[in-house]
């Protein structure tokens, strides 16, 4: 069974908005992994509370076939340097894992499947 790690921002750490729709989307995303028989772990971080430590610890629970990095980390311009650190942590601690990017919290399984399926 393939193992996948999803790294993203913890929606509960943001103020002034309702995190429940994102939590619901994450739950749907987890269900999609189960539908495909993929063992998925999630590492949802607070960028203000040592996220690199949490990510490193999660990566050490591998080996992972694929690491999916969420859009909240890579799309938000102020997090560009953090995104670079995440990529380098994955390269260092999971060098054999494919790296994939999802579009929404609903579709990390689709992102991982692009790299887990045999390529023609």
PDB file of N, CA and C in Angstrom:
ATOM      1  N   UNK A   1       0.840  -1.180   0.000  1.00  0.00           N
ATOM      2  CA  UNK A   1       0.000   0.000   0.000  1.00  0.00           C
ATOM      3  C   UNK A   1       0.888   1.246   0.000  1.00  0.00           C
ATOM      4  N   UNK A   2       0.583   2.167  -0.865  1.00  0.00           N
ATOM      5  CA  UNK A   2       1.336   3.415  -0.948  1.00  0.00           C
ATOM      6  C   UNK A   2       1.075   4.263   0.292  1.00  0.00           C
ATOM      7  N   UNK A   3       2.116   4.945   0.731  1.00  0.00           N
ATOM      8  CA  UNK A   3       1.972   5.883   1.835  1.00  0.00           C
ATOM      9  C   UNK A   3       2.201   7.284   1.309  1.00  0.00           C
ATOM     10  N   UNK A   4       1.319   8.198   1.707  1.00  0.00           N
ATOM     11  CA  UNK A   4       1.381   9.585   1.261  1.00  0.00           C
ATOM     12  C   UNK A   4       1.334  10.479   2.487  1.00  0.00           C
ATOM     13  N   UNK A   5       2.112  11.551   2.443  1.00  0.00           N
ATOM     14  CA  UNK A   5       2.036  12.579   3.469  1.00  0.00           C
ATOM     15  C   UNK A   5       1.502  13.844   2.815  1.00  0.00           C
ATOM     16  N   UNK A   6       0.501  14.442   3.438  1.00  0.00           N
ATOM     17  CA  UNK A   6      -0.047  15.712   2.984  1.00  0.00           C
ATOM     18  C   UNK A   6       0.393  16.778   3.982  1.00  0.00           C
ATOM     19  N   UNK A   7       1.065  17.802   3.478  1.00  0.00           N
ATOM     20  CA  UNK A   7       1.519  18.908   4.315  1.00  0.00           C
ATOM     21  C   UNK A   7       0.693  20.130   3.957  1.00  0.00           C
ATOM     22  N   UNK A   8       0.082  20.736   4.969  1.00  0.00           N
ATOM     23  CA  UNK A   8      -0.737  21.915   4.714  1.00  0.00           C
ATOM     24  C   UNK A   8      -0.817  22.804   5.930  1.00  0.00           C
ATOM     25  N   UNK A   9      -1.524  23.893   5.767  1.00  0.00           N
ATOM     26  CA  UNK A   9      -1.741  24.822   6.868  1.00  0.00           C
ATOM     27  C   UNK A   9      -2.936  24.364   7.685  1.00  0.00           C
ATOM     28  N   UNK A  10      -2.836  24.502   8.985  1.00  0.00           N
ATOM     29  CA  UNK A  10      -3.932  24.133   9.871  1.00  0.00           C
ATOM     30  C   UNK A  10      -4.972  25.253   9.826  1.00  0.00           C
ATOM     31  N   UNK A  11      -6.161  24.977   9.296  1.00  0.00           N
ATOM     32  CA  UNK A  11      -7.161  26.041   9.170  1.00  0.00           C
ATOM     33  C   UNK A  11      -7.625  26.587  10.517  1.00  0.00           C
ATOM     34  N   UNK A  12      -7.454  25.832  11.579  1.00  0.00           N
ATOM     35  CA  UNK A  12      -7.884  26.292  12.900  1.00  0.00           C
ATOM     36  C   UNK A  12      -6.978  27.383  13.455  1.00  0.00           C
ATOM     37  N   UNK A  13      -5.811  27.607  12.841  1.00  0.00           N
ATOM     38  CA  UNK A  13      -4.871  28.594  13.373  1.00  0.00           C
ATOM     39  C   UNK A  13      -5.102  29.996  12.825  1.00  0.00           C
ATOM     40  N   UNK A  14      -6.009  30.144  11.877  1.00  0.00           N
ATOM     41  CA  UNK A  14      -6.293  31.454  11.317  1.00  0.00           C
ATOM     42  C   UNK A  14      -7.474  32.080  12.041  1.00  0.00           C
ATOM     43  N   UNK A  15      -7.399  33.373  12.295  1.00  0.00           N
ATOM     44  CA  UNK A  15      -8.461  34.064  13.021  1.00  0.00           C
ATOM     45  C   UNK A  15      -9.385  34.780  12.040  1.00  0.00           C
ATOM     46  N   UNK A  16     -10.524  35.156  12.541  1.00  0.00           N
ATOM     47  CA  UNK A  16     -11.497  35.960  11.800  1.00  0.00           C
ATOM     48  C   UNK A  16     -12.135  35.255  10.615  1.00  0.00           C
ATOM     49  N   UNK A  17     -12.229  33.936  10.671  1.00  0.00           N
ATOM     50  CA  UNK A  17     -12.954  33.205   9.632  1.00  0.00           C
ATOM     51  C   UNK A  17     -13.338  31.842  10.188  1.00  0.00           C
ATOM     52  N   UNK A  18     -14.261  31.202   9.549  1.00  0.00           N
ATOM     53  CA  UNK A  18     -14.765  29.906   9.987  1.00  0.00           C
ATOM     54  C   UNK A  18     -13.955  28.786   9.324  1.00  0.00           C
ATOM     55  N   UNK A  19     -13.197  28.012  10.112  1.00  0.00           N
ATOM     56  CA  UNK A  19     -12.382  26.950   9.521  1.00  0.00           C
ATOM     57  C   UNK A  19     -13.176  25.702   9.139  1.00  0.00           C
ATOM     58  N   UNK A  20     -14.437  25.617   9.545  1.00  0.00           N
ATOM     59  CA  UNK A  20     -15.204  24.390   9.321  1.00  0.00           C
ATOM     60  C   UNK A  20     -15.337  23.978   7.854  1.00  0.00           C
ATOM     61  N   UNK A  21     -15.563  24.907   6.924  1.00  0.00           N
ATOM     62  CA  UNK A  21     -15.623  24.462   5.519  1.00  0.00           C
ATOM     63  C   UNK A  21     -14.312  23.817   5.052  1.00  0.00           C
ATOM     64  N   UNK A  22     -13.191  24.314   5.536  1.00  0.00           N
ATOM     65  CA  UNK A  22     -11.907  23.721   5.155  1.00  0.00           C
ATOM     66  C   UNK A  22     -11.742  22.368   5.832  1.00  0.00           C
ATOM     67  N   UNK A  23     -12.142  22.275   7.093  1.00  0.00           N
ATOM     68  CA  UNK A  23     -12.091  20.971   7.779  1.00  0.00           C
ATOM     69  C   UNK A  23     -12.950  19.941   7.046  1.00  0.00           C
ATOM     70  N   UNK A  24     -14.122  20.361   6.587  1.00  0.00           N
ATOM     71  CA  UNK A  24     -14.999  19.446   5.842  1.00  0.00           C
ATOM     72  C   UNK A  24     -14.340  19.014   4.528  1.00  0.00           C
ATOM     73  N   UNK A  25     -13.677  19.942   3.848  1.00  0.00           N
ATOM     74  CA  UNK A  25     -12.992  19.600   2.595  1.00  0.00           C
ATOM     75  C   UNK A  25     -11.831  18.648   2.860  1.00  0.00           C
ATOM     76  N   UNK A  26     -11.108  18.861   3.956  1.00  0.00           N
ATOM     77  CA  UNK A  26     -10.013  17.953   4.321  1.00  0.00           C
ATOM     78  C   UNK A  26     -10.576  16.550   4.575  1.00  0.00           C
ATOM     79  N   UNK A  27     -11.700  16.472   5.256  1.00  0.00           N
ATOM     80  CA  UNK A  27     -12.325  15.164   5.520  1.00  0.00           C
ATOM     81  C   UNK A  27     -12.706  14.472   4.210  1.00  0.00           C
ATOM     82  N   UNK A  28     -13.221  15.235   3.257  1.00  0.00           N
ATOM     83  CA  UNK A  28     -13.548  14.654   1.947  1.00  0.00           C
ATOM     84  C   UNK A  28     -12.275  14.175   1.249  1.00  0.00           C
ATOM     85  N   UNK A  29     -11.205  14.951   1.372  1.00  0.00           N
ATOM     86  CA  UNK A  29      -9.930  14.553   0.787  1.00  0.00           C
ATOM     87  C   UNK A  29      -9.395  13.272   1.395  1.00  0.00           C
ATOM     88  N   UNK A  30      -9.510  13.139   2.709  1.00  0.00           N
ATOM     89  CA  UNK A  30      -9.079  11.907   3.390  1.00  0.00           C
ATOM     90  C   UNK A  30      -9.890  10.712   2.889  1.00  0.00           C
ATOM     91  N   UNK A  31     -11.180  10.921   2.702  1.00  0.00           N
ATOM     92  CA  UNK A  31     -12.050   9.835   2.232  1.00  0.00           C
ATOM     93  C   UNK A  31     -11.634   9.378   0.836  1.00  0.00           C
ATOM     94  N   UNK A  32     -11.195  10.302  -0.002  1.00  0.00           N
ATOM     95  CA  UNK A  32     -10.745   9.934  -1.355  1.00  0.00           C
ATOM     96  C   UNK A  32      -9.508   9.041  -1.294  1.00  0.00           C
ATOM     97  N   UNK A  33      -8.608   9.310  -0.356  1.00  0.00           N
ATOM     98  CA  UNK A  33      -7.454   8.422  -0.187  1.00  0.00           C
ATOM     99  C   UNK A  33      -7.932   7.017   0.170  1.00  0.00           C
ATOM    100  N   UNK A  34      -8.868   6.937   1.097  1.00  0.00           N
ATOM    101  CA  UNK A  34      -9.392   5.633   1.521  1.00  0.00           C
ATOM    102  C   UNK A  34     -10.039   4.897   0.348  1.00  0.00           C
ATOM    103  N   UNK A  35     -10.770   5.621  -0.487  1.00  0.00           N
ATOM    104  CA  UNK A  35     -11.405   5.012  -1.664  1.00  0.00           C
ATOM    105  C   UNK A  35     -10.379   4.355  -2.582  1.00  0.00           C
ATOM    106  N   UNK A  36      -9.197   4.908  -2.628  1.00  0.00           N
ATOM    107  CA  UNK A  36      -8.141   4.391  -3.502  1.00  0.00           C
ATOM    108  C   UNK A  36      -7.181   3.454  -2.774  1.00  0.00           C
ATOM    109  N   UNK A  37      -7.469   3.145  -1.516  1.00  0.00           N
ATOM    110  CA  UNK A  37      -6.611   2.235  -0.756  1.00  0.00           C
ATOM    111  C   UNK A  37      -5.230   2.806  -0.469  1.00  0.00           C
ATOM    112  N   UNK A  38      -5.164   4.115  -0.304  1.00  0.00           N
ATOM    113  CA  UNK A  38      -3.890   4.781  -0.037  1.00  0.00           C
ATOM    114  C   UNK A  38      -3.850   5.191   1.424  1.00  0.00           C
ATOM    115  N   UNK A  39      -2.743   4.852   2.085  1.00  0.00           N
ATOM    116  CA  UNK A  39      -2.522   5.238   3.473  1.00  0.00           C
ATOM    117  C   UNK A  39      -2.005   6.676   3.482  1.00  0.00           C
ATOM    118  N   UNK A  40      -2.803   7.609   3.978  1.00  0.00           N
ATOM    119  CA  UNK A  40      -2.421   9.021   3.969  1.00  0.00           C
ATOM    120  C   UNK A  40      -2.319   9.564   5.383  1.00  0.00           C
ATOM    121  N   UNK A  41      -1.212  10.247   5.637  1.00  0.00           N
ATOM    122  CA  UNK A  41      -1.015  10.964   6.894  1.00  0.00           C
ATOM    123  C   UNK A  41      -1.082  12.455   6.581  1.00  0.00           C
ATOM    124  N   UNK A  42      -1.554  13.214   7.530  1.00  0.00           N
ATOM    125  CA  UNK A  42      -1.649  14.658   7.352  1.00  0.00           C
ATOM    126  C   UNK A  42      -0.779  15.359   8.383  1.00  0.00           C
ATOM    127  N   UNK A  43      -0.088  16.391   7.936  1.00  0.00           N
ATOM    128  CA  UNK A  43       0.706  17.254   8.800  1.00  0.00           C
ATOM    129  C   UNK A  43       0.205  18.671   8.554  1.00  0.00           C
ATOM    130  N   UNK A  44      -0.706  19.118   9.404  1.00  0.00           N
ATOM    131  CA  UNK A  44      -1.264  20.462   9.278  1.00  0.00           C
ATOM    132  C   UNK A  44      -0.561  21.354  10.291  1.00  0.00           C
ATOM    133  N   UNK A  45       0.057  22.405   9.809  1.00  0.00           N
ATOM    134  CA  UNK A  45       0.938  23.206  10.662  1.00  0.00           C
ATOM    135  C   UNK A  45       0.435  24.623  10.855  1.00  0.00           C
ATOM    136  N   UNK A  46       0.899  25.203  11.935  1.00  0.00           N
ATOM    137  CA  UNK A  46       0.725  26.617  12.236  1.00  0.00           C
ATOM    138  C   UNK A  46       2.055  27.271  11.883  1.00  0.00           C
ATOM    139  N   UNK A  47       2.060  28.184  10.934  1.00  0.00           N
ATOM    140  CA  UNK A  47       3.326  28.774  10.485  1.00  0.00           C
ATOM    141  C   UNK A  47       4.020  29.579  11.575  1.00  0.00           C
ATOM    142  N   UNK A  48       3.314  29.906  12.633  1.00  0.00           N
ATOM    143  CA  UNK A  48       3.909  30.683  13.723  1.00  0.00           C
ATOM    144  C   UNK A  48       4.433  29.819  14.868  1.00  0.00           C
ATOM    145  N   UNK A  49       4.328  28.485  14.736  1.00  0.00           N
ATOM    146  CA  UNK A  49       4.729  27.597  15.835  1.00  0.00           C
ATOM    147  C   UNK A  49       5.623  26.460  15.359  1.00  0.00           C
ATOM    148  N   UNK A  50       6.837  26.792  14.965  1.00  0.00           N
ATOM    149  CA  UNK A  50       7.844  25.807  14.577  1.00  0.00           C
ATOM    150  C   UNK A  50       7.328  24.773  13.569  1.00  0.00           C
ATOM    151  N   UNK A  51       6.826  25.239  12.436  1.00  0.00           N
ATOM    152  CA  UNK A  51       6.281  24.285  11.455  1.00  0.00           C
ATOM    153  C   UNK A  51       7.332  23.335  10.902  1.00  0.00           C
ATOM    154  N   UNK A  52       8.577  23.801  10.783  1.00  0.00           N
ATOM    155  CA  UNK A  52       9.620  22.930  10.232  1.00  0.00           C
ATOM    156  C   UNK A  52       9.849  21.714  11.122  1.00  0.00           C
ATOM    157  N   UNK A  53       9.756  21.905  12.430  1.00  0.00           N
ATOM    158  CA  UNK A  53       9.915  20.783  13.357  1.00  0.00           C
ATOM    159  C   UNK A  53       8.801  19.769  13.159  1.00  0.00           C
ATOM    160  N   UNK A  54       7.564  20.248  13.064  1.00  0.00           N
ATOM    161  CA  UNK A  54       6.425  19.343  12.865  1.00  0.00           C
ATOM    162  C   UNK A  54       6.545  18.603  11.534  1.00  0.00           C
ATOM    163  N   UNK A  55       6.966  19.303  10.496  1.00  0.00           N
ATOM    164  CA  UNK A  55       7.092  18.684   9.174  1.00  0.00           C
ATOM    165  C   UNK A  55       8.209  17.645   9.184  1.00  0.00           C
ATOM    166  N   UNK A  56       9.338  17.975   9.789  1.00  0.00           N
ATOM    167  CA  UNK A  56      10.450  17.022   9.873  1.00  0.00           C
ATOM    168  C   UNK A  56      10.024  15.763  10.610  1.00  0.00           C
ATOM    169  N   UNK A  57       9.331  15.923  11.734  1.00  0.00           N
ATOM    170  CA  UNK A  57       8.859  14.761  12.493  1.00  0.00           C
ATOM    171  C   UNK A  57       7.904  13.917  11.653  1.00  0.00           C
ATOM    172  N   UNK A  58       7.006  14.561  10.926  1.00  0.00           N
ATOM    173  CA  UNK A  58       6.056  13.816  10.089  1.00  0.00           C
ATOM    174  C   UNK A  58       6.792  13.066   8.984  1.00  0.00           C
ATOM    175  N   UNK A  59       7.770  13.714   8.371  1.00  0.00           N
ATOM    176  CA  UNK A  59       8.527  13.068   7.292  1.00  0.00           C
ATOM    177  C   UNK A  59       9.300  11.858   7.806  1.00  0.00           C
ATOM    178  N   UNK A  60       9.709  11.877   9.044  1.00  0.00           N
ATOM    179  CA  UNK A  60      10.473  10.771   9.616  1.00  0.00           C
ATOM    180  C   UNK A  60       9.607   9.549   9.907  1.00  0.00           C
ATOM    181  N   UNK A  61       8.285   9.688   9.790  1.00  0.00           N
ATOM    182  CA  UNK A  61       7.386   8.546   9.979  1.00  0.00           C
ATOM    183  C   UNK A  61       7.186   7.758   8.686  1.00  0.00           C
ATOM    184  N   UNK A  62       7.888   8.129   7.619  1.00  0.00           N
ATOM    185  CA  UNK A  62       7.774   7.458   6.321  1.00  0.00           C
ATOM    186  C   UNK A  62       8.277   6.036   6.381  1.00  0.00           C
ATOM    187  N   UNK A  63       8.598   5.434   5.287  1.00  0.00           N
ATOM    188  CA  UNK A  63       8.852   6.085   4.008  1.00  0.00           C
ATOM    189  C   UNK A  63       7.553   6.411   3.272  1.00  0.00           C
ATOM    190  N   UNK A  64       7.582   7.520   2.560  1.00  0.00           N
ATOM    191  CA  UNK A  64       6.443   7.951   1.775  1.00  0.00           C
ATOM    192  C   UNK A  64       6.742   7.790   0.291  1.00  0.00           C
ATOM    193  N   UNK A  65       5.721   7.373  -0.434  1.00  0.00           N
ATOM    194  CA  UNK A  65       5.838   7.288  -1.891  1.00  0.00           C
ATOM    195  C   UNK A  65       5.648   8.655  -2.522  1.00  0.00           C
ATOM    196  N   UNK A  66       4.872   9.495  -1.838  1.00  0.00           N
ATOM    197  CA  UNK A  66       4.560  10.815  -2.374  1.00  0.00           C
ATOM    198  C   UNK A  66       4.288  11.763  -1.209  1.00  0.00           C
ATOM    199  N   UNK A  67       4.701  13.014  -1.362  1.00  0.00           N
ATOM    200  CA  UNK A  67       4.382  14.072  -0.413  1.00  0.00           C
ATOM    201  C   UNK A  67       3.608  15.132  -1.185  1.00  0.00           C
ATOM    202  N   UNK A  68       2.413  15.444  -0.697  1.00  0.00           N
ATOM    203  CA  UNK A  68       1.566  16.461  -1.320  1.00  0.00           C
ATOM    204  C   UNK A  68       1.680  17.734  -0.481  1.00  0.00           C
ATOM    205  N   UNK A  69       1.995  18.837  -1.148  1.00  0.00           N
ATOM    206  CA  UNK A  69       2.114  20.123  -0.461  1.00  0.00           C
ATOM    207  C   UNK A  69       0.940  20.995  -0.876  1.00  0.00           C
ATOM    208  N   UNK A  70       0.196  21.455   0.128  1.00  0.00           N
ATOM    209  CA  UNK A  70      -1.039  22.186  -0.098  1.00  0.00           C
ATOM    210  C   UNK A  70      -0.871  23.582  -0.651  1.00  0.00           C
ATOM    211  N   UNK A  71      -1.927  24.038  -1.274  1.00  0.00           N
ATOM    212  CA  UNK A  71      -1.939  25.350  -1.904  1.00  0.00           C
ATOM    213  C   UNK A  71      -1.802  26.506  -0.941  1.00  0.00           C
ATOM    214  N   UNK A  72      -2.258  26.346   0.288  1.00  0.00           N
ATOM    215  CA  UNK A  72      -2.107  27.424   1.256  1.00  0.00           C
ATOM    216  C   UNK A  72      -0.652  27.770   1.502  1.00  0.00           C
ATOM    217  N   UNK A  73       0.205  26.771   1.402  1.00  0.00           N
ATOM    218  CA  UNK A  73       1.642  26.996   1.600  1.00  0.00           C
ATOM    219  C   UNK A  73       2.269  27.582   0.350  1.00  0.00           C
ATOM    220  N   UNK A  74       1.919  27.086  -0.809  1.00  0.00           N
ATOM    221  CA  UNK A  74       2.654  27.490  -2.012  1.00  0.00           C
ATOM    222  C   UNK A  74       2.036  28.655  -2.771  1.00  0.00           C
ATOM    223  N   UNK A  75       0.761  28.956  -2.554  1.00  0.00           N
ATOM    224  CA  UNK A  75       0.108  30.004  -3.347  1.00  0.00           C
ATOM    225  C   UNK A  75       0.138  31.381  -2.688  1.00  0.00           C
ATOM    226  N   UNK A  76       0.330  31.418  -1.400  1.00  0.00           N
ATOM    227  CA  UNK A  76       0.256  32.683  -0.656  1.00  0.00           C
ATOM    228  C   UNK A  76       1.636  33.350  -0.669  1.00  0.00           C
ATOM    229  N   UNK A  77       1.765  34.453  -1.380  1.00  0.00           N
ATOM    230  CA  UNK A  77       3.057  35.119  -1.605  1.00  0.00           C
ATOM    231  C   UNK A  77       3.881  35.315  -0.323  1.00  0.00           C
ATOM    232  N   UNK A  78       3.292  35.725   0.797  1.00  0.00           N
ATOM    233  CA  UNK A  78       4.121  35.889   2.002  1.00  0.00           C
ATOM    234  C   UNK A  78       4.763  34.586   2.489  1.00  0.00           C
ATOM    235  N   UNK A  79       4.275  33.439   2.018  1.00  0.00           N
ATOM    236  CA  UNK A  79       4.828  32.158   2.459  1.00  0.00           C
ATOM    237  C   UNK A  79       5.844  31.577   1.475  1.00  0.00           C
ATOM    238  N   UNK A  80       6.304  32.370   0.516  1.00  0.00           N
ATOM    239  CA  UNK A  80       7.234  31.856  -0.481  1.00  0.00           C
ATOM    240  C   UNK A  80       8.477  31.230   0.156  1.00  0.00           C
ATOM    241  N   UNK A  81       9.104  31.923   1.082  1.00  0.00           N
ATOM    242  CA  UNK A  81      10.303  31.374   1.721  1.00  0.00           C
ATOM    243  C   UNK A  81       9.969  30.116   2.517  1.00  0.00           C
ATOM    244  N   UNK A  82       8.832  30.112   3.183  1.00  0.00           N
ATOM    245  CA  UNK A  82       8.405  28.922   3.915  1.00  0.00           C
ATOM    246  C   UNK A  82       8.198  27.756   2.944  1.00  0.00           C
ATOM    247  N   UNK A  83       7.572  28.019   1.815  1.00  0.00           N
ATOM    248  CA  UNK A  83       7.370  26.998   0.790  1.00  0.00           C
ATOM    249  C   UNK A  83       8.709  26.411   0.361  1.00  0.00           C
ATOM    250  N   UNK A  84       9.702  27.245   0.143  1.00  0.00           N
ATOM    251  CA  UNK A  84      11.023  26.755  -0.224  1.00  0.00           C
ATOM    252  C   UNK A  84      11.607  25.864   0.874  1.00  0.00           C
ATOM    253  N   UNK A  85      11.422  26.259   2.121  1.00  0.00           N
ATOM    254  CA  UNK A  85      11.925  25.429   3.230  1.00  0.00           C
ATOM    255  C   UNK A  85      11.224  24.080   3.257  1.00  0.00           C
ATOM    256  N   UNK A  86       9.921  24.071   3.003  1.00  0.00           N
ATOM    257  CA  UNK A  86       9.174  22.816   2.979  1.00  0.00           C
ATOM    258  C   UNK A  86       9.713  21.895   1.891  1.00  0.00           C
ATOM    259  N   UNK A  87       9.907  22.430   0.697  1.00  0.00           N
ATOM    260  CA  UNK A  87      10.446  21.628  -0.413  1.00  0.00           C
ATOM    261  C   UNK A  87      11.789  21.027  -0.014  1.00  0.00           C
ATOM    262  N   UNK A  88      12.645  21.823   0.579  1.00  0.00           N
ATOM    263  CA  UNK A  88      13.968  21.316   0.957  1.00  0.00           C
ATOM    264  C   UNK A  88      13.907  20.313   2.095  1.00  0.00           C
ATOM    265  N   UNK A  89      12.955  20.453   3.004  1.00  0.00           N
ATOM    266  CA  UNK A  89      12.769  19.427   4.043  1.00  0.00           C
ATOM    267  C   UNK A  89      12.345  18.106   3.415  1.00  0.00           C
ATOM    268  N   UNK A  90      11.445  18.165   2.453  1.00  0.00           N
ATOM    269  CA  UNK A  90      11.004  16.936   1.776  1.00  0.00           C
ATOM    270  C   UNK A  90      12.185  16.300   1.050  1.00  0.00           C
ATOM    271  N   UNK A  91      12.951  17.102   0.336  1.00  0.00           N
ATOM    272  CA  UNK A  91      14.112  16.560  -0.387  1.00  0.00           C
ATOM    273  C   UNK A  91      15.107  15.901   0.574  1.00  0.00           C
ATOM    274  N   UNK A  92      15.279  16.492   1.752  1.00  0.00           N
ATOM    275  CA  UNK A  92      16.249  15.981   2.719  1.00  0.00           C
ATOM    276  C   UNK A  92      15.745  14.726   3.429  1.00  0.00           C
ATOM    277  N   UNK A  93      14.476  14.733   3.846  1.00  0.00           N
ATOM    278  CA  UNK A  93      13.971  13.662   4.697  1.00  0.00           C
ATOM    279  C   UNK A  93      13.162  12.595   3.971  1.00  0.00           C
ATOM    280  N   UNK A  94      12.787  12.854   2.735  1.00  0.00           N
ATOM    281  CA  UNK A  94      12.046  11.862   1.936  1.00  0.00           C
ATOM    282  C   UNK A  94      12.545  11.939   0.500  1.00  0.00           C
ATOM    283  N   UNK A  95      13.834  11.692   0.296  1.00  0.00           N
ATOM    284  CA  UNK A  95      14.417  11.912  -1.037  1.00  0.00           C
ATOM    285  C   UNK A  95      13.846  11.028  -2.136  1.00  0.00           C
ATOM    286  N   UNK A  96      13.247   9.903  -1.782  1.00  0.00           N
ATOM    287  CA  UNK A  96      12.687   9.009  -2.803  1.00  0.00           C
ATOM    288  C   UNK A  96      11.218   9.277  -3.087  1.00  0.00           C
ATOM    289  N   UNK A  97      10.616  10.188  -2.336  1.00  0.00           N
ATOM    290  CA  UNK A  97       9.190  10.478  -2.517  1.00  0.00           C
ATOM    291  C   UNK A  97       8.977  11.448  -3.665  1.00  0.00           C
ATOM    292  N   UNK A  98       7.932  11.184  -4.436  1.00  0.00           N
ATOM    293  CA  UNK A  98       7.497  12.165  -5.430  1.00  0.00           C
ATOM    294  C   UNK A  98       6.895  13.347  -4.677  1.00  0.00           C
ATOM    295  N   UNK A  99       6.948  14.516  -5.276  1.00  0.00           N
ATOM    296  CA  UNK A  99       6.329  15.712  -4.695  1.00  0.00           C
ATOM    297  C   UNK A  99       5.181  16.109  -5.608  1.00  0.00           C
ATOM    298  N   UNK A 100       4.010  16.313  -5.001  1.00  0.00           N
ATOM    299  CA  UNK A 100       2.827  16.682  -5.775  1.00  0.00           C
ATOM    300  C   UNK A 100       2.166  17.893  -5.134  1.00  0.00           C
ATOM    301  N   UNK A 101       1.336  18.567  -5.907  1.00  0.00           N
ATOM    302  CA  UNK A 101       0.639  19.759  -5.444  1.00  0.00           C
ATOM    303  C   UNK A 101      -0.846  19.601  -5.734  1.00  0.00           C
ATOM    304  N   UNK A 102      -1.653  19.801  -4.719  1.00  0.00           N
ATOM    305  CA  UNK A 102      -3.093  19.727  -4.922  1.00  0.00           C
ATOM    306  C   UNK A 102      -3.659  21.114  -5.194  1.00  0.00           C
ATOM    307  N   UNK A 103      -4.897  21.150  -5.667  1.00  0.00           N
ATOM    308  CA  UNK A 103      -5.564  22.410  -5.964  1.00  0.00           C
ATOM    309  C   UNK A 103      -6.426  22.889  -4.807  1.00  0.00           C
ATOM    310  N   UNK A 104      -7.077  21.926  -4.136  1.00  0.00           N
ATOM    311  CA  UNK A 104      -7.974  22.250  -3.033  1.00  0.00           C
ATOM    312  C   UNK A 104      -7.792  21.190  -1.948  1.00  0.00           C
ATOM    313  N   UNK A 105      -8.328  21.432  -0.746  1.00  0.00           N
ATOM    314  CA  UNK A 105      -8.242  20.406   0.299  1.00  0.00           C
ATOM    315  C   UNK A 105      -9.005  19.122  -0.047  1.00  0.00           C
ATOM    316  N   UNK A 106      -9.864  19.189  -1.064  1.00  0.00           N
ATOM    317  CA  UNK A 106     -10.622  18.017  -1.498  1.00  0.00           C
ATOM    318  C   UNK A 106      -9.805  17.047  -2.349  1.00  0.00           C
ATOM    319  N   UNK A 107      -8.750  17.527  -3.014  1.00  0.00           N
ATOM    320  CA  UNK A 107      -8.134  16.705  -4.052  1.00  0.00           C
ATOM    321  C   UNK A 107      -6.670  16.292  -3.865  1.00  0.00           C
ATOM    322  N   UNK A 108      -6.171  16.148  -2.657  1.00  0.00           N
ATOM    323  CA  UNK A 108      -4.783  15.680  -2.537  1.00  0.00           C
ATOM    324  C   UNK A 108      -4.601  14.251  -3.052  1.00  0.00           C
ATOM    325  N   UNK A 109      -5.636  13.433  -2.989  1.00  0.00           N
ATOM    326  CA  UNK A 109      -5.514  12.065  -3.516  1.00  0.00           C
ATOM    327  C   UNK A 109      -5.288  12.098  -5.016  1.00  0.00           C
ATOM    328  N   UNK A 110      -5.980  12.977  -5.712  1.00  0.00           N
ATOM    329  CA  UNK A 110      -5.789  13.101  -7.161  1.00  0.00           C
ATOM    330  C   UNK A 110      -4.365  13.541  -7.479  1.00  0.00           C
ATOM    331  N   UNK A 111      -3.836  14.474  -6.686  1.00  0.00           N
ATOM    332  CA  UNK A 111      -2.464  14.933  -6.895  1.00  0.00           C
ATOM    333  C   UNK A 111      -1.484  13.783  -6.689  1.00  0.00           C
ATOM    334  N   UNK A 112      -1.671  13.026  -5.619  1.00  0.00           N
ATOM    335  CA  UNK A 112      -0.777  11.893  -5.340  1.00  0.00           C
ATOM    336  C   UNK A 112      -0.896  10.826  -6.417  1.00  0.00           C
ATOM    337  N   UNK A 113      -2.104  10.565  -6.864  1.00  0.00           N
ATOM    338  CA  UNK A 113      -2.307   9.517  -7.877  1.00  0.00           C
ATOM    339  C   UNK A 113      -1.582   9.815  -9.184  1.00  0.00           C
ATOM    340  N   UNK A 114      -1.381  11.084  -9.484  1.00  0.00           N
ATOM    341  CA  UNK A 114      -0.629  11.412 -10.702  1.00  0.00           C
ATOM    342  C   UNK A 114       0.772  10.801 -10.647  1.00  0.00           C
ATOM    343  N   UNK A 115       1.305  10.612  -9.445  1.00  0.00           N
ATOM    344  CA  UNK A 115       2.665  10.103  -9.270  1.00  0.00           C
ATOM    345  C   UNK A 115       2.708   8.671  -8.800  1.00  0.00           C
ATOM    346  N   UNK A 116       1.601   8.157  -8.287  1.00  0.00           N
ATOM    347  CA  UNK A 116       1.576   6.779  -7.795  1.00  0.00           C
ATOM    348  C   UNK A 116       1.201   5.778  -8.871  1.00  0.00           C
ATOM    349  N   UNK A 117       0.485   6.227  -9.868  1.00  0.00           N
ATOM    350  CA  UNK A 117       0.078   5.342 -10.970  1.00  0.00           C
ATOM    351  C   UNK A 117       1.274   5.120 -11.889  1.00  0.00           C
ATOM    352  N   UNK A 118       1.357   3.940 -12.470  1.00  0.00           N
ATOM    353  CA  UNK A 118       2.431   3.717 -13.451  1.00  0.00           C
ATOM    354  C   UNK A 118       2.318   4.697 -14.597  1.00  0.00           C
ATOM    355  N   UNK A 119       3.421   5.225 -15.016  1.00  0.00           N
ATOM    356  CA  UNK A 119       3.449   6.191 -16.127  1.00  0.00           C
ATOM    357  C   UNK A 119       3.610   5.430 -17.433  1.00  0.00           C
ATOM    358  N   UNK A 120       2.878   5.862 -18.469  1.00  0.00           N
ATOM    359  CA  UNK A 120       2.971   5.174 -19.769  1.00  0.00           C
ATOM    360  C   UNK A 120       4.336   5.358 -20.411  1.00  0.00           C
TER     361      UNK A 120
END
